[in-house]
Amino acid sequence: MSLGSGTEHLAALRDALEPRRLVEIDYYSHGRDEQRRRVIEPLRLWAAQGQWYVDAWCRAAEARRRFRVDRIVSATVLDELAPTRTLDPPASGAVFNAAGAESSIVFELADDDRWLLDSTPLESIDPLDHGRVRVKVAIGGRAFLERLLLRLGDRATILTFDSPEGTGANAAAAVRSAAARRVLQCYATPKR
């Protein structure tokens, strides 16, 4: 799958906004590590942190969703008009809405290691003593959780973890270990 900059889909989304046309998109969900076809009713296009987003009513979810435009693999403007919907005020520029999260994790990290979180939507980050920070991250899916835990490695101290897989630091460590084993199997020498 090739994810572009998304600029090729901006024109289609803009064209669909004013007449309120439906748009069929193939969308790659980073949190779930899967691609799905959806029909959306675009409500607003906006940019934050160097990325374009479209707020839309998703017919598959039957709810308002936020899509990152560079993760749209294809976009086709349909002839069908969308019903008029009221647009809630933006959530203070937040890129990720934690309300739909499956779980959350809180950990401590050295301030020098904050770069590990550059592309992670944070719920909160609080400075602590001795050059450390406390970070809370809402987890939208298992694939996102696994990538986060693998990226953090042993640099982070898990304080709280609540998910369908279990709770606490041991549950987070089990998720990370299972993901690491699966990744390493990709590099294993095949048996003859």
N, C-alpha and C. Protein backbone atom coordinates (compact mmCIF):
# COMPACT_ATOMS: atom_id res chain seq x y z
N MET A 1 0.85 -1.17 0.00
CA MET A 1 0.00 0.00 0.00
C MET A 1 0.89 1.23 0.00
N SER A 2 0.52 2.21 -0.77
CA SER A 2 1.29 3.45 -0.85
C SER A 2 0.45 4.60 -0.31
N LEU A 3 0.96 5.21 0.75
CA LEU A 3 0.29 6.38 1.31
C LEU A 3 1.04 7.61 0.84
N GLY A 4 0.35 8.51 0.19
CA GLY A 4 0.98 9.71 -0.32
C GLY A 4 0.86 10.86 0.66
N SER A 5 1.06 12.05 0.16
CA SER A 5 0.96 13.24 1.00
C SER A 5 -0.49 13.61 1.27
N GLY A 6 -1.40 13.07 0.48
CA GLY A 6 -2.81 13.38 0.66
C GLY A 6 -3.27 14.57 -0.14
N THR A 7 -2.33 15.34 -0.70
CA THR A 7 -2.73 16.54 -1.43
C THR A 7 -3.58 16.21 -2.65
N GLU A 8 -3.38 15.02 -3.22
CA GLU A 8 -4.17 14.65 -4.39
C GLU A 8 -5.65 14.46 -4.04
N HIS A 9 -5.95 14.24 -2.76
CA HIS A 9 -7.34 14.04 -2.34
C HIS A 9 -7.96 15.32 -1.78
N LEU A 10 -7.15 16.32 -1.49
CA LEU A 10 -7.69 17.58 -0.95
C LEU A 10 -8.68 18.23 -1.90
N ALA A 11 -8.35 18.25 -3.18
CA ALA A 11 -9.24 18.89 -4.17
C ALA A 11 -10.59 18.17 -4.21
N ALA A 12 -10.57 16.84 -4.20
CA ALA A 12 -11.83 16.09 -4.22
C ALA A 12 -12.65 16.37 -2.97
N LEU A 13 -12.00 16.42 -1.81
CA LEU A 13 -12.72 16.69 -0.57
C LEU A 13 -13.27 18.11 -0.55
N ARG A 14 -12.48 19.07 -1.06
CA ARG A 14 -12.96 20.46 -1.13
C ARG A 14 -14.17 20.56 -2.06
N ASP A 15 -14.08 19.87 -3.21
CA ASP A 15 -15.19 19.89 -4.17
C ASP A 15 -16.46 19.29 -3.57
N ALA A 16 -16.32 18.34 -2.67
CA ALA A 16 -17.48 17.68 -2.07
C ALA A 16 -18.10 18.49 -0.94
N LEU A 17 -17.33 19.37 -0.31
CA LEU A 17 -17.81 20.10 0.88
C LEU A 17 -19.00 21.00 0.60
N GLU A 18 -18.86 21.90 -0.36
CA GLU A 18 -19.89 22.93 -0.58
C GLU A 18 -21.22 22.35 -1.05
N PRO A 19 -21.23 21.47 -2.04
CA PRO A 19 -22.54 20.91 -2.41
C PRO A 19 -22.98 19.77 -1.48
N ARG A 20 -22.16 19.44 -0.47
CA ARG A 20 -22.46 18.38 0.50
C ARG A 20 -22.57 17.01 -0.17
N ARG A 21 -21.64 16.69 -1.04
CA ARG A 21 -21.66 15.40 -1.72
C ARG A 21 -20.96 14.34 -0.85
N LEU A 22 -21.42 13.11 -1.00
CA LEU A 22 -20.78 11.99 -0.33
C LEU A 22 -19.46 11.67 -1.02
N VAL A 23 -18.52 11.12 -0.26
CA VAL A 23 -17.23 10.71 -0.80
C VAL A 23 -16.95 9.28 -0.35
N GLU A 24 -16.60 8.44 -1.32
CA GLU A 24 -16.18 7.08 -0.98
C GLU A 24 -14.67 7.09 -0.87
N ILE A 25 -14.16 6.63 0.27
CA ILE A 25 -12.71 6.62 0.47
C ILE A 25 -12.24 5.22 0.83
N ASP A 26 -11.03 4.92 0.44
CA ASP A 26 -10.29 3.78 0.98
C ASP A 26 -9.34 4.40 1.98
N TYR A 27 -9.46 4.00 3.25
CA TYR A 27 -8.73 4.67 4.32
C TYR A 27 -7.88 3.68 5.10
N TYR A 28 -6.62 4.05 5.32
CA TYR A 28 -5.72 3.24 6.13
C TYR A 28 -5.78 3.73 7.56
N SER A 29 -6.20 2.87 8.48
CA SER A 29 -6.25 3.21 9.90
C SER A 29 -4.93 2.79 10.54
N HIS A 30 -4.16 3.79 10.97
CA HIS A 30 -2.86 3.53 11.60
C HIS A 30 -3.05 2.78 12.91
N GLY A 31 -4.07 3.13 13.67
CA GLY A 31 -4.30 2.50 14.96
C GLY A 31 -4.68 1.03 14.87
N ARG A 32 -5.37 0.66 13.80
CA ARG A 32 -5.80 -0.73 13.63
C ARG A 32 -4.96 -1.47 12.59
N ASP A 33 -4.09 -0.74 11.89
CA ASP A 33 -3.23 -1.30 10.85
C ASP A 33 -4.05 -2.07 9.82
N GLU A 34 -5.10 -1.39 9.31
CA GLU A 34 -5.94 -2.01 8.29
C GLU A 34 -6.50 -0.93 7.36
N GLN A 35 -6.84 -1.37 6.16
CA GLN A 35 -7.44 -0.47 5.18
C GLN A 35 -8.89 -0.88 4.98
N ARG A 36 -9.79 0.13 4.97
CA ARG A 36 -11.22 -0.14 4.77
C ARG A 36 -11.81 0.89 3.82
N ARG A 37 -12.85 0.46 3.11
CA ARG A 37 -13.61 1.38 2.26
C ARG A 37 -14.75 1.93 3.10
N ARG A 38 -14.94 3.24 3.00
CA ARG A 38 -16.00 3.92 3.77
C ARG A 38 -16.67 4.95 2.88
N VAL A 39 -17.91 5.27 3.20
CA VAL A 39 -18.59 6.40 2.58
C VAL A 39 -18.73 7.45 3.67
N ILE A 40 -18.23 8.66 3.38
CA ILE A 40 -18.25 9.73 4.37
C ILE A 40 -19.00 10.94 3.84
N GLU A 41 -19.48 11.75 4.80
CA GLU A 41 -20.09 13.03 4.50
C GLU A 41 -19.14 14.09 5.05
N PRO A 42 -18.27 14.68 4.22
CA PRO A 42 -17.30 15.66 4.73
C PRO A 42 -18.00 16.87 5.36
N LEU A 43 -17.53 17.25 6.54
CA LEU A 43 -18.09 18.39 7.26
C LEU A 43 -17.11 19.56 7.31
N ARG A 44 -15.81 19.25 7.42
CA ARG A 44 -14.82 20.32 7.54
C ARG A 44 -13.44 19.77 7.20
N LEU A 45 -12.66 20.57 6.49
CA LEU A 45 -11.24 20.29 6.23
C LEU A 45 -10.42 21.26 7.07
N TRP A 46 -9.35 20.78 7.66
CA TRP A 46 -8.51 21.66 8.47
C TRP A 46 -7.11 21.06 8.57
N ALA A 47 -6.16 21.89 8.97
CA ALA A 47 -4.77 21.45 9.10
C ALA A 47 -4.28 21.70 10.51
N ALA A 48 -3.42 20.79 10.98
CA ALA A 48 -2.78 20.93 12.29
C ALA A 48 -1.50 20.12 12.28
N GLN A 49 -0.47 20.66 12.91
CA GLN A 49 0.81 19.97 13.05
C GLN A 49 1.32 19.43 11.71
N GLY A 50 1.12 20.20 10.65
CA GLY A 50 1.64 19.83 9.34
C GLY A 50 0.83 18.78 8.59
N GLN A 51 -0.36 18.44 9.07
CA GLN A 51 -1.19 17.43 8.42
C GLN A 51 -2.58 17.99 8.14
N TRP A 52 -3.20 17.49 7.07
CA TRP A 52 -4.59 17.83 6.75
C TRP A 52 -5.51 16.77 7.32
N TYR A 53 -6.66 17.21 7.82
CA TYR A 53 -7.68 16.33 8.38
C TYR A 53 -9.03 16.68 7.78
N VAL A 54 -9.91 15.68 7.71
CA VAL A 54 -11.29 15.92 7.33
C VAL A 54 -12.17 15.36 8.45
N ASP A 55 -13.01 16.22 9.00
CA ASP A 55 -14.04 15.79 9.94
C ASP A 55 -15.24 15.41 9.08
N ALA A 56 -15.80 14.24 9.34
CA ALA A 56 -16.87 13.74 8.48
C ALA A 56 -17.81 12.84 9.27
N TRP A 57 -19.01 12.70 8.74
CA TRP A 57 -19.92 11.69 9.25
C TRP A 57 -19.59 10.42 8.49
N CYS A 58 -19.24 9.37 9.22
CA CYS A 58 -18.90 8.09 8.60
C CYS A 58 -20.13 7.20 8.61
N ARG A 59 -20.57 6.79 7.44
CA ARG A 59 -21.78 5.98 7.36
C ARG A 59 -21.57 4.59 7.94
N ALA A 60 -20.37 4.04 7.83
CA ALA A 60 -20.10 2.71 8.39
C ALA A 60 -20.18 2.73 9.91
N ALA A 61 -19.61 3.76 10.52
CA ALA A 61 -19.60 3.87 11.99
C ALA A 61 -20.88 4.51 12.52
N GLU A 62 -21.62 5.16 11.63
CA GLU A 62 -22.81 5.92 12.02
C GLU A 62 -22.47 6.93 13.12
N ALA A 63 -21.35 7.60 12.90
CA ALA A 63 -20.87 8.58 13.88
C ALA A 63 -19.88 9.52 13.20
N ARG A 64 -19.62 10.63 13.87
CA ARG A 64 -18.63 11.58 13.37
C ARG A 64 -17.24 11.00 13.59
N ARG A 65 -16.39 11.13 12.58
CA ARG A 65 -15.03 10.63 12.65
C ARG A 65 -14.08 11.66 12.08
N ARG A 66 -12.82 11.55 12.46
CA ARG A 66 -11.76 12.42 11.95
C ARG A 66 -10.79 11.54 11.17
N PHE A 67 -10.52 11.94 9.91
CA PHE A 67 -9.63 11.18 9.04
C PHE A 67 -8.43 12.04 8.66
N ARG A 68 -7.24 11.46 8.74
CA ARG A 68 -6.04 12.15 8.29
C ARG A 68 -5.97 11.98 6.78
N VAL A 69 -5.89 13.08 6.06
CA VAL A 69 -6.01 13.05 4.60
C VAL A 69 -4.88 12.24 3.96
N ASP A 70 -3.66 12.28 4.51
CA ASP A 70 -2.57 11.52 3.88
C ASP A 70 -2.73 10.01 4.06
N ARG A 71 -3.70 9.57 4.84
CA ARG A 71 -3.96 8.14 4.99
C ARG A 71 -5.13 7.68 4.11
N ILE A 72 -5.67 8.60 3.32
CA ILE A 72 -6.70 8.24 2.35
C ILE A 72 -5.98 7.71 1.12
N VAL A 73 -6.25 6.45 0.78
CA VAL A 73 -5.59 5.80 -0.35
C VAL A 73 -6.27 6.19 -1.66
N SER A 74 -7.61 6.31 -1.65
CA SER A 74 -8.34 6.77 -2.82
C SER A 74 -9.59 7.51 -2.35
N ALA A 75 -10.05 8.45 -3.17
CA ALA A 75 -11.25 9.24 -2.84
C ALA A 75 -12.04 9.48 -4.11
N THR A 76 -13.33 9.15 -4.08
CA THR A 76 -14.22 9.36 -5.22
C THR A 76 -15.44 10.14 -4.74
N VAL A 77 -15.66 11.31 -5.34
CA VAL A 77 -16.84 12.10 -5.01
C VAL A 77 -18.05 11.46 -5.69
N LEU A 78 -19.09 11.19 -4.92
CA LEU A 78 -20.29 10.56 -5.43
C LEU A 78 -21.34 11.61 -5.80
N ASP A 79 -22.34 11.22 -6.56
CA ASP A 79 -23.40 12.14 -6.96
C ASP A 79 -24.39 12.42 -5.84
N GLU A 80 -24.51 11.50 -4.90
CA GLU A 80 -25.51 11.62 -3.83
C GLU A 80 -25.16 12.75 -2.87
N LEU A 81 -26.18 13.53 -2.52
CA LEU A 81 -26.00 14.62 -1.55
C LEU A 81 -26.19 14.10 -0.13
N ALA A 82 -25.41 14.65 0.78
CA ALA A 82 -25.51 14.29 2.20
C ALA A 82 -26.56 15.15 2.87
N PRO A 83 -27.21 14.65 3.91
CA PRO A 83 -28.14 15.49 4.66
C PRO A 83 -27.38 16.59 5.40
N THR A 84 -28.07 17.65 5.75
CA THR A 84 -27.44 18.73 6.51
C THR A 84 -27.25 18.26 7.95
N ARG A 85 -26.05 18.41 8.46
CA ARG A 85 -25.73 18.02 9.84
C ARG A 85 -25.14 19.23 10.54
N THR A 86 -25.42 19.34 11.82
CA THR A 86 -24.80 20.41 12.60
C THR A 86 -23.39 19.99 12.96
N LEU A 87 -22.50 20.94 12.92
CA LEU A 87 -21.09 20.69 13.20
C LEU A 87 -20.78 21.17 14.60
N ASP A 88 -20.37 20.24 15.45
CA ASP A 88 -19.96 20.62 16.80
C ASP A 88 -18.72 21.49 16.73
N PRO A 89 -18.53 22.37 17.71
CA PRO A 89 -17.31 23.17 17.70
C PRO A 89 -16.08 22.27 17.80
N PRO A 90 -14.97 22.69 17.21
CA PRO A 90 -13.76 21.87 17.26
C PRO A 90 -13.29 21.67 18.69
N ALA A 91 -12.69 20.53 18.94
CA ALA A 91 -12.21 20.17 20.28
C ALA A 91 -10.83 20.77 20.52
N SER A 92 -10.78 22.07 20.69
CA SER A 92 -9.56 22.82 21.02
C SER A 92 -8.34 22.37 20.22
N GLY A 93 -8.53 22.12 18.94
CA GLY A 93 -7.41 21.76 18.09
C GLY A 93 -6.88 20.36 18.31
N ALA A 94 -7.58 19.55 19.09
CA ALA A 94 -7.12 18.19 19.35
C ALA A 94 -7.18 17.38 18.07
N VAL A 95 -6.12 16.64 17.80
CA VAL A 95 -6.07 15.83 16.60
C VAL A 95 -6.75 14.49 16.82
N PHE A 96 -6.63 13.96 18.02
CA PHE A 96 -7.20 12.65 18.34
C PHE A 96 -8.27 12.81 19.40
N ASN A 97 -9.41 12.21 19.18
CA ASN A 97 -10.49 12.25 20.17
C ASN A 97 -10.42 10.99 21.01
N ALA A 98 -10.06 11.14 22.28
CA ALA A 98 -9.86 9.99 23.16
C ALA A 98 -11.16 9.32 23.55
N ALA A 99 -12.30 9.92 23.26
CA ALA A 99 -13.58 9.35 23.68
C ALA A 99 -13.81 7.96 23.09
N GLY A 100 -13.30 7.69 21.90
CA GLY A 100 -13.51 6.38 21.28
C GLY A 100 -12.39 5.39 21.55
N ALA A 101 -11.48 5.72 22.45
CA ALA A 101 -10.33 4.86 22.71
C ALA A 101 -10.74 3.58 23.42
N GLU A 102 -10.03 2.49 23.10
CA GLU A 102 -10.29 1.20 23.72
C GLU A 102 -9.66 1.10 25.11
N SER A 103 -8.57 1.80 25.33
CA SER A 103 -7.84 1.71 26.58
C SER A 103 -6.93 2.92 26.72
N SER A 104 -6.19 2.95 27.80
CA SER A 104 -5.22 4.03 27.99
C SER A 104 -4.01 3.49 28.73
N ILE A 105 -2.92 4.23 28.62
CA ILE A 105 -1.68 3.86 29.30
C ILE A 105 -1.04 5.13 29.84
N VAL A 106 -0.49 5.05 31.04
CA VAL A 106 0.22 6.16 31.66
C VAL A 106 1.62 5.66 31.98
N PHE A 107 2.63 6.44 31.60
CA PHE A 107 4.00 6.03 31.86
C PHE A 107 4.87 7.24 32.13
N GLU A 108 6.03 6.98 32.74
CA GLU A 108 7.06 7.99 32.94
C GLU A 108 8.15 7.77 31.92
N LEU A 109 8.74 8.88 31.51
CA LEU A 109 9.76 8.85 30.48
C LEU A 109 10.74 9.98 30.75
N ALA A 110 12.01 9.75 30.45
CA ALA A 110 12.99 10.83 30.57
C ALA A 110 12.64 11.92 29.57
N ASP A 111 12.76 13.17 30.00
CA ASP A 111 12.44 14.29 29.12
C ASP A 111 13.24 14.22 27.82
N ASP A 112 14.48 13.70 27.90
CA ASP A 112 15.33 13.57 26.70
C ASP A 112 14.76 12.58 25.69
N ASP A 113 13.88 11.69 26.14
CA ASP A 113 13.30 10.68 25.25
C ASP A 113 11.94 11.08 24.70
N ARG A 114 11.54 12.33 24.89
CA ARG A 114 10.23 12.78 24.39
C ARG A 114 10.11 12.67 22.88
N TRP A 115 11.23 12.64 22.17
CA TRP A 115 11.20 12.51 20.71
C TRP A 115 10.50 11.22 20.29
N LEU A 116 10.49 10.22 21.17
CA LEU A 116 9.80 8.97 20.85
C LEU A 116 8.31 9.17 20.65
N LEU A 117 7.79 10.29 21.15
CA LEU A 117 6.36 10.55 21.12
C LEU A 117 5.97 11.58 20.05
N ASP A 118 6.91 11.94 19.17
CA ASP A 118 6.65 12.99 18.19
C ASP A 118 5.40 12.75 17.36
N SER A 119 5.12 11.52 17.00
CA SER A 119 3.94 11.26 16.16
C SER A 119 2.82 10.57 16.95
N THR A 120 2.86 10.68 18.27
CA THR A 120 1.87 10.03 19.12
C THR A 120 0.88 11.07 19.65
N PRO A 121 -0.42 10.87 19.44
CA PRO A 121 -1.40 11.81 20.01
C PRO A 121 -1.51 11.59 21.52
N LEU A 122 -1.15 12.60 22.28
CA LEU A 122 -1.11 12.49 23.74
C LEU A 122 -2.37 13.06 24.36
N GLU A 123 -2.85 12.42 25.42
CA GLU A 123 -3.94 13.01 26.21
C GLU A 123 -3.38 14.05 27.15
N SER A 124 -2.23 13.74 27.76
CA SER A 124 -1.60 14.70 28.66
C SER A 124 -0.12 14.39 28.79
N ILE A 125 0.65 15.42 29.13
CA ILE A 125 2.06 15.26 29.44
C ILE A 125 2.38 16.26 30.55
N ASP A 126 2.89 15.74 31.66
CA ASP A 126 3.15 16.55 32.85
C ASP A 126 4.61 16.44 33.25
N PRO A 127 5.28 17.58 33.48
CA PRO A 127 6.68 17.52 33.92
C PRO A 127 6.77 17.00 35.36
N LEU A 128 7.79 16.20 35.62
CA LEU A 128 8.07 15.67 36.95
C LEU A 128 9.46 16.14 37.37
N ASP A 129 9.88 15.75 38.54
CA ASP A 129 11.22 16.07 39.02
C ASP A 129 12.26 15.23 38.27
N HIS A 130 13.50 15.64 38.37
CA HIS A 130 14.65 14.89 37.85
C HIS A 130 14.59 14.66 36.34
N GLY A 131 14.04 15.63 35.59
CA GLY A 131 14.06 15.56 34.13
C GLY A 131 13.19 14.48 33.53
N ARG A 132 12.10 14.14 34.21
CA ARG A 132 11.18 13.13 33.69
C ARG A 132 9.81 13.75 33.43
N VAL A 133 9.01 13.07 32.62
CA VAL A 133 7.65 13.51 32.33
C VAL A 133 6.70 12.33 32.53
N ARG A 134 5.46 12.63 32.92
CA ARG A 134 4.40 11.62 33.00
C ARG A 134 3.50 11.84 31.79
N VAL A 135 3.25 10.77 31.06
CA VAL A 135 2.52 10.85 29.80
C VAL A 135 1.30 9.93 29.86
N LYS A 136 0.16 10.43 29.36
CA LYS A 136 -1.04 9.59 29.22
C LYS A 136 -1.40 9.54 27.75
N VAL A 137 -1.60 8.33 27.25
CA VAL A 137 -1.92 8.12 25.84
C VAL A 137 -3.19 7.26 25.77
N ALA A 138 -4.16 7.71 24.98
CA ALA A 138 -5.35 6.90 24.70
C ALA A 138 -5.01 5.93 23.58
N ILE A 139 -5.42 4.70 23.73
CA ILE A 139 -5.08 3.65 22.77
C ILE A 139 -6.31 3.34 21.92
N GLY A 140 -6.20 3.58 20.61
CA GLY A 140 -7.32 3.36 19.71
C GLY A 140 -7.40 1.97 19.13
N GLY A 141 -6.35 1.16 19.28
CA GLY A 141 -6.37 -0.18 18.72
C GLY A 141 -5.12 -0.95 19.10
N ARG A 142 -5.19 -2.25 18.97
CA ARG A 142 -4.08 -3.14 19.38
C ARG A 142 -2.81 -2.84 18.59
N ALA A 143 -2.90 -2.61 17.28
CA ALA A 143 -1.70 -2.36 16.48
C ALA A 143 -0.99 -1.09 16.95
N PHE A 144 -1.75 -0.04 17.25
CA PHE A 144 -1.16 1.20 17.76
C PHE A 144 -0.45 0.95 19.09
N LEU A 145 -1.10 0.21 19.99
CA LEU A 145 -0.52 -0.10 21.29
C LEU A 145 0.79 -0.86 21.13
N GLU A 146 0.81 -1.87 20.27
CA GLU A 146 2.02 -2.65 20.07
C GLU A 146 3.16 -1.78 19.54
N ARG A 147 2.89 -0.93 18.55
CA ARG A 147 3.94 -0.06 18.01
C ARG A 147 4.47 0.89 19.07
N LEU A 148 3.56 1.45 19.89
CA LEU A 148 3.98 2.37 20.95
C LEU A 148 4.88 1.66 21.96
N LEU A 149 4.46 0.48 22.42
CA LEU A 149 5.25 -0.24 23.42
C LEU A 149 6.60 -0.68 22.86
N LEU A 150 6.65 -1.11 21.61
CA LEU A 150 7.92 -1.49 21.00
C LEU A 150 8.84 -0.28 20.86
N ARG A 151 8.29 0.86 20.47
CA ARG A 151 9.09 2.07 20.30
C ARG A 151 9.65 2.54 21.64
N LEU A 152 8.85 2.47 22.69
CA LEU A 152 9.30 2.93 24.01
C LEU A 152 10.32 1.98 24.62
N GLY A 153 10.17 0.68 24.37
CA GLY A 153 11.09 -0.30 24.94
C GLY A 153 11.18 -0.15 26.45
N ASP A 154 12.41 -0.23 26.98
CA ASP A 154 12.59 -0.12 28.42
C ASP A 154 12.86 1.32 28.86
N ARG A 155 12.70 2.27 27.95
CA ARG A 155 12.89 3.68 28.31
C ARG A 155 11.75 4.22 29.17
N ALA A 156 10.60 3.58 29.10
CA ALA A 156 9.42 4.05 29.83
C ALA A 156 9.12 3.14 31.02
N THR A 157 8.65 3.76 32.08
CA THR A 157 8.17 3.02 33.25
C THR A 157 6.64 3.09 33.22
N ILE A 158 6.01 1.94 33.03
CA ILE A 158 4.55 1.89 32.95
C ILE A 158 3.97 2.11 34.35
N LEU A 159 3.09 3.10 34.47
CA LEU A 159 2.45 3.39 35.76
C LEU A 159 1.06 2.77 35.82
N THR A 160 0.25 3.00 34.80
CA THR A 160 -1.07 2.37 34.73
C THR A 160 -1.33 1.94 33.30
N PHE A 161 -2.02 0.83 33.17
CA PHE A 161 -2.37 0.30 31.86
C PHE A 161 -3.71 -0.39 32.02
N ASP A 162 -4.67 -0.01 31.21
CA ASP A 162 -6.01 -0.57 31.29
C ASP A 162 -6.47 -0.89 29.88
N SER A 163 -6.66 -2.16 29.60
CA SER A 163 -7.06 -2.56 28.26
C SER A 163 -7.80 -3.89 28.31
N PRO A 164 -8.38 -4.30 27.18
CA PRO A 164 -9.02 -5.62 27.14
C PRO A 164 -8.04 -6.76 27.42
N GLU A 165 -6.72 -6.52 27.20
CA GLU A 165 -5.70 -7.55 27.43
C GLU A 165 -5.38 -7.73 28.91
N GLY A 166 -5.75 -6.76 29.74
CA GLY A 166 -5.43 -6.83 31.16
C GLY A 166 -5.06 -5.46 31.68
N THR A 167 -4.61 -5.43 32.93
CA THR A 167 -4.23 -4.16 33.54
C THR A 167 -2.84 -4.27 34.15
N GLY A 168 -2.19 -3.12 34.30
CA GLY A 168 -0.91 -3.06 34.97
C GLY A 168 0.28 -3.23 34.05
N ALA A 169 1.46 -3.03 34.64
CA ALA A 169 2.72 -3.08 33.89
C ALA A 169 2.98 -4.46 33.32
N ASN A 170 2.61 -5.53 34.03
CA ASN A 170 2.84 -6.88 33.53
C ASN A 170 2.03 -7.16 32.26
N ALA A 171 0.80 -6.66 32.22
CA ALA A 171 -0.03 -6.84 31.02
C ALA A 171 0.57 -6.09 29.83
N ALA A 172 1.07 -4.87 30.08
CA ALA A 172 1.71 -4.10 29.01
C ALA A 172 2.97 -4.82 28.53
N ALA A 173 3.75 -5.37 29.46
CA ALA A 173 4.97 -6.10 29.08
C ALA A 173 4.63 -7.34 28.26
N ALA A 174 3.53 -8.02 28.59
CA ALA A 174 3.11 -9.20 27.83
C ALA A 174 2.72 -8.82 26.40
N VAL A 175 2.02 -7.70 26.24
CA VAL A 175 1.65 -7.23 24.89
C VAL A 175 2.90 -6.91 24.09
N ARG A 176 3.86 -6.19 24.71
CA ARG A 176 5.11 -5.83 24.03
C ARG A 176 5.90 -7.08 23.65
N SER A 177 6.00 -8.06 24.55
CA SER A 177 6.76 -9.28 24.27
C SER A 177 6.15 -10.08 23.12
N ALA A 178 4.82 -10.19 23.12
CA ALA A 178 4.15 -10.92 22.05
C ALA A 178 4.37 -10.24 20.70
N ALA A 179 4.31 -8.91 20.69
CA ALA A 179 4.54 -8.16 19.44
C ALA A 179 5.98 -8.33 18.98
N ALA A 180 6.93 -8.28 19.92
CA ALA A 180 8.35 -8.42 19.56
C ALA A 180 8.61 -9.81 18.98
N ARG A 181 8.04 -10.85 19.59
CA ARG A 181 8.22 -12.21 19.06
C ARG A 181 7.67 -12.32 17.64
N ARG A 182 6.51 -11.72 17.40
CA ARG A 182 5.90 -11.77 16.07
C ARG A 182 6.78 -11.06 15.04
N VAL A 183 7.35 -9.91 15.42
CA VAL A 183 8.24 -9.18 14.51
C VAL A 183 9.49 -10.01 14.22
N LEU A 184 10.08 -10.58 15.26
CA LEU A 184 11.31 -11.37 15.08
C LEU A 184 11.08 -12.60 14.22
N GLN A 185 9.88 -13.18 14.26
CA GLN A 185 9.58 -14.34 13.42
C GLN A 185 9.68 -14.00 11.94
N CYS A 186 9.46 -12.75 11.60
CA CYS A 186 9.57 -12.32 10.19
C CYS A 186 11.01 -12.45 9.69
N TYR A 187 11.97 -12.42 10.60
CA TYR A 187 13.38 -12.47 10.23
C TYR A 187 14.00 -13.83 10.51
N ALA A 188 13.22 -14.78 10.97
CA ALA A 188 13.74 -16.11 11.30
C ALA A 188 14.16 -16.83 10.02
N THR A 189 15.20 -17.62 10.14
CA THR A 189 15.66 -18.43 9.02
C THR A 189 14.70 -19.61 8.85
N PRO A 190 14.18 -19.80 7.65
CA PRO A 190 13.24 -20.92 7.46
C PRO A 190 13.94 -22.26 7.67
N LYS A 191 13.22 -23.20 8.30
CA LYS A 191 13.76 -24.54 8.52
C LYS A 191 13.73 -25.31 7.22
N ARG A 192 14.76 -26.10 7.01
CA ARG A 192 14.84 -26.90 5.78
C ARG A 192 14.52 -28.33 6.06
